[in-house]
C-alpha atoms as a PDB file:
ATOM      1  CA  UNK A   1      -0.054  -0.047  -0.025  1.00  0.00           C
ATOM      2  CA  UNK A   2       1.352   3.486  -0.874  1.00  0.00           C
ATOM      3  CA  UNK A   3       0.296   6.537   1.015  1.00  0.00           C
ATOM      4  CA  UNK A   4       0.823  10.188  -0.423  1.00  0.00           C
ATOM      5  CA  UNK A   5      -1.115  13.022  -1.399  1.00  0.00           C
ATOM      6  CA  UNK A   6      -1.533  13.851  -5.172  1.00  0.00           C
ATOM      7  CA  UNK A   7      -4.115  15.989  -6.973  1.00  0.00           C
ATOM      8  CA  UNK A   8      -6.695  14.023  -9.176  1.00  0.00           C
ATOM      9  CA  UNK A   9      -9.735  15.204 -11.334  1.00  0.00           C
ATOM     10  CA  UNK A  10     -12.909  13.342 -10.227  1.00  0.00           C
ATOM     11  CA  UNK A  11     -16.183  13.374 -11.973  1.00  0.00           C
ATOM     12  CA  UNK A  12     -19.143  12.722  -9.650  1.00  0.00           C
ATOM     13  CA  UNK A  13     -22.958  11.959  -9.588  1.00  0.00           C
ATOM     14  CA  UNK A  14     -25.246  14.807  -8.695  1.00  0.00           C
ATOM     15  CA  UNK A  15     -25.247  13.291  -5.330  1.00  0.00           C
ATOM     16  CA  UNK A  16     -21.346  13.736  -5.011  1.00  0.00           C
ATOM     17  CA  UNK A  17     -20.363  10.053  -5.476  1.00  0.00           C
ATOM     18  CA  UNK A  18     -17.307   9.408  -7.628  1.00  0.00           C
ATOM     19  CA  UNK A  19     -17.840   8.146 -11.219  1.00  0.00           C
ATOM     20  CA  UNK A  20     -14.619   8.404 -12.714  1.00  0.00           C
ATOM     21  CA  UNK A  21     -11.184  10.100 -12.371  1.00  0.00           C
ATOM     22  CA  UNK A  22      -7.992  11.393 -14.241  1.00  0.00           C
ATOM     23  CA  UNK A  23      -4.780  10.527 -12.663  1.00  0.00           C
ATOM     24  CA  UNK A  24      -1.235  10.547 -14.029  1.00  0.00           C
ATOM     25  CA  UNK A  25      -2.561  11.202 -17.574  1.00  0.00           C
ATOM     26  CA  UNK A  26      -4.830   8.356 -17.550  1.00  0.00           C
ATOM     27  CA  UNK A  27      -8.663   7.799 -17.240  1.00  0.00           C
ATOM     28  CA  UNK A  28     -10.293   5.407 -14.624  1.00  0.00           C
ATOM     29  CA  UNK A  29     -13.806   4.390 -14.224  1.00  0.00           C
ATOM     30  CA  UNK A  30     -15.251   3.417 -10.866  1.00  0.00           C
ATOM     31  CA  UNK A  31     -16.351  -0.260 -11.316  1.00  0.00           C
ATOM     32  CA  UNK A  32     -17.727  -1.139  -7.783  1.00  0.00           C
ATOM     33  CA  UNK A  33     -19.920   0.709  -5.172  1.00  0.00           C
ATOM     34  CA  UNK A  34     -17.617   3.488  -3.499  1.00  0.00           C
ATOM     35  CA  UNK A  35     -17.526   3.700   0.363  1.00  0.00           C
ATOM     36  CA  UNK A  36     -17.478   6.829   2.189  1.00  0.00           C
ATOM     37  CA  UNK A  37     -16.388   7.818   5.778  1.00  0.00           C
ATOM     38  CA  UNK A  38     -14.809  10.785   7.662  1.00  0.00           C
ATOM     39  CA  UNK A  39     -11.399  10.948   9.315  1.00  0.00           C
ATOM     40  CA  UNK A  40     -10.271  13.358  11.864  1.00  0.00           C
ATOM     41  CA  UNK A  41      -7.517  15.532  10.550  1.00  0.00           C
ATOM     42  CA  UNK A  42      -4.868  17.533  12.680  1.00  0.00           C
ATOM     43  CA  UNK A  43      -6.522  20.765  12.242  1.00  0.00           C
ATOM     44  CA  UNK A  44      -4.696  22.485  15.131  1.00  0.00           C
ATOM     45  CA  UNK A  45      -1.484  22.381  13.095  1.00  0.00           C
ATOM     46  CA  UNK A  46      -3.085  24.533  10.453  1.00  0.00           C
ATOM     47  CA  UNK A  47      -5.768  26.539  12.152  1.00  0.00           C
ATOM     48  CA  UNK A  48      -5.463  28.777  15.279  1.00  0.00           C
ATOM     49  CA  UNK A  49      -8.701  27.543  16.833  1.00  0.00           C
ATOM     50  CA  UNK A  50     -11.850  25.589  15.542  1.00  0.00           C
ATOM     51  CA  UNK A  51     -15.194  27.660  15.650  1.00  0.00           C
ATOM     52  CA  UNK A  52     -18.000  26.127  17.657  1.00  0.00           C
ATOM     53  CA  UNK A  53     -20.176  23.662  15.601  1.00  0.00           C
ATOM     54  CA  UNK A  54     -17.575  23.242  13.072  1.00  0.00           C
ATOM     55  CA  UNK A  55     -17.108  19.698  11.607  1.00  0.00           C
ATOM     56  CA  UNK A  56     -16.724  18.603   8.053  1.00  0.00           C
ATOM     57  CA  UNK A  57     -14.030  20.685   6.119  1.00  0.00           C
ATOM     58  CA  UNK A  58     -12.345  22.008   9.221  1.00  0.00           C
ATOM     59  CA  UNK A  59     -12.156  18.865  11.768  1.00  0.00           C
ATOM     60  CA  UNK A  60     -12.763  16.052   9.405  1.00  0.00           C
ATOM     61  CA  UNK A  61     -11.849  14.853   5.950  1.00  0.00           C
ATOM     62  CA  UNK A  62     -14.222  13.194   3.675  1.00  0.00           C
ATOM     63  CA  UNK A  63     -12.690  10.003   2.384  1.00  0.00           C
ATOM     64  CA  UNK A  64     -13.980   7.821  -0.452  1.00  0.00           C
ATOM     65  CA  UNK A  65     -12.650   4.260  -1.133  1.00  0.00           C
ATOM     66  CA  UNK A  66     -13.128   3.544  -4.789  1.00  0.00           C
ATOM     67  CA  UNK A  67     -12.283   0.492  -7.059  1.00  0.00           C
ATOM     68  CA  UNK A  68     -11.330   1.642 -10.551  1.00  0.00           C
ATOM     69  CA  UNK A  69     -10.373   0.210 -13.783  1.00  0.00           C
ATOM     70  CA  UNK A  70      -8.068   1.890 -16.446  1.00  0.00           C
ATOM     71  CA  UNK A  71      -9.824   2.840 -19.610  1.00  0.00           C
ATOM     72  CA  UNK A  72      -8.959   0.089 -22.022  1.00  0.00           C
ATOM     73  CA  UNK A  73      -7.828   2.402 -24.605  1.00  0.00           C
ATOM     74  CA  UNK A  74      -4.982   3.767 -22.425  1.00  0.00           C
ATOM     75  CA  UNK A  75      -4.063   0.662 -20.460  1.00  0.00           C
ATOM     76  CA  UNK A  76      -0.989  -1.214 -21.216  1.00  0.00           C
ATOM     77  CA  UNK A  77      -1.256  -5.075 -21.675  1.00  0.00           C
ATOM     78  CA  UNK A  78      -0.456  -5.913 -18.155  1.00  0.00           C
ATOM     79  CA  UNK A  79      -3.106  -3.538 -16.576  1.00  0.00           C
ATOM     80  CA  UNK A  80      -5.923  -3.907 -18.759  1.00  0.00           C
ATOM     81  CA  UNK A  81      -8.811  -5.204 -16.671  1.00  0.00           C
ATOM     82  CA  UNK A  82      -7.039  -5.285 -13.332  1.00  0.00           C
ATOM     83  CA  UNK A  83      -8.996  -3.112 -10.685  1.00  0.00           C
ATOM     84  CA  UNK A  84      -7.224  -0.781  -8.550  1.00  0.00           C
ATOM     85  CA  UNK A  85      -8.352   0.354  -5.008  1.00  0.00           C
ATOM     86  CA  UNK A  86      -7.817   4.000  -4.147  1.00  0.00           C
ATOM     87  CA  UNK A  87      -8.580   6.293  -1.188  1.00  0.00           C
ATOM     88  CA  UNK A  88      -9.641   9.801  -2.304  1.00  0.00           C
ATOM     89  CA  UNK A  89     -10.221  12.825  -0.056  1.00  0.00           C
ATOM     90  CA  UNK A  90     -12.519  15.588  -1.093  1.00  0.00           C
ATOM     91  CA  UNK A  91     -11.722  19.163   0.317  1.00  0.00           C
ATOM     92  CA  UNK A  92     -15.291  20.381   1.431  1.00  0.00           C
ATOM     93  CA  UNK A  93     -14.838  24.142   0.896  1.00  0.00           C
ATOM     94  CA  UNK A  94     -13.159  23.925  -2.581  1.00  0.00           C
ATOM     95  CA  UNK A  95     -14.392  20.631  -3.891  1.00  0.00           C
ATOM     96  CA  UNK A  96     -10.839  19.551  -4.726  1.00  0.00           C
ATOM     97  CA  UNK A  97      -9.862  15.991  -4.580  1.00  0.00           C
ATOM     98  CA  UNK A  98      -6.689  14.381  -3.619  1.00  0.00           C
ATOM     99  CA  UNK A  99      -5.337  10.723  -3.964  1.00  0.00           C
ATOM    100  CA  UNK A 100      -4.235   9.506  -0.453  1.00  0.00           C
ATOM    101  CA  UNK A 101      -3.752   5.852  -0.653  1.00  0.00           C
ATOM    102  CA  UNK A 102      -3.187   2.976  -3.248  1.00  0.00           C
ATOM    103  CA  UNK A 103      -4.161  -0.287  -1.758  1.00  0.00           C
ATOM    104  CA  UNK A 104      -3.703  -2.649  -4.728  1.00  0.00           C
ATOM    105  CA  UNK A 105      -0.526  -2.385  -6.858  1.00  0.00           C
ATOM    106  CA  UNK A 106      -0.296  -4.366 -10.088  1.00  0.00           C
ATOM    107  CA  UNK A 107       1.917  -7.357  -9.453  1.00  0.00           C
ATOM    108  CA  UNK A 108       4.198  -9.066 -12.183  1.00  0.00           C
ATOM    109  CA  UNK A 109       2.420 -11.964 -13.607  1.00  0.00           C
ATOM    110  CA  UNK A 110       4.175 -15.342 -12.757  1.00  0.00           C
ATOM    111  CA  UNK A 111       4.049 -18.514 -14.765  1.00  0.00           C
END
C-alpha cells in the first residue's frame, strides 16, 4: 500500500459520489460501489482555533474508497482489466480531490 497526497480530477454523480477520475495522465472508471467515511485531521497544526459547531471541512476529511479500472484504450497489456483500489479525499470548501492511498499494486504475472 502506498500513502501520499496527489491531486486528481474526479467526475461525480449529482449526489457527489465518484464516477470516474483522471490521474497521472490516465482515465479510470469506478467499477464497484464506493464507500465513504470521515477521518479526523490535525486541524490544530493549520488553524489557530476551531469555531464552535465546525465539523466536516475543518475537523474531518471526507474520504472515499473507490475501486477503479483503467480505460482500456490507454491501458497497457498488463493492467488492462486489473482493478485498483484507491482512497480519495475531497476538500469540503473547494471541492478539490486528492489521492491519499493506493491499496492494490499491479503485480508481475508469474508462470
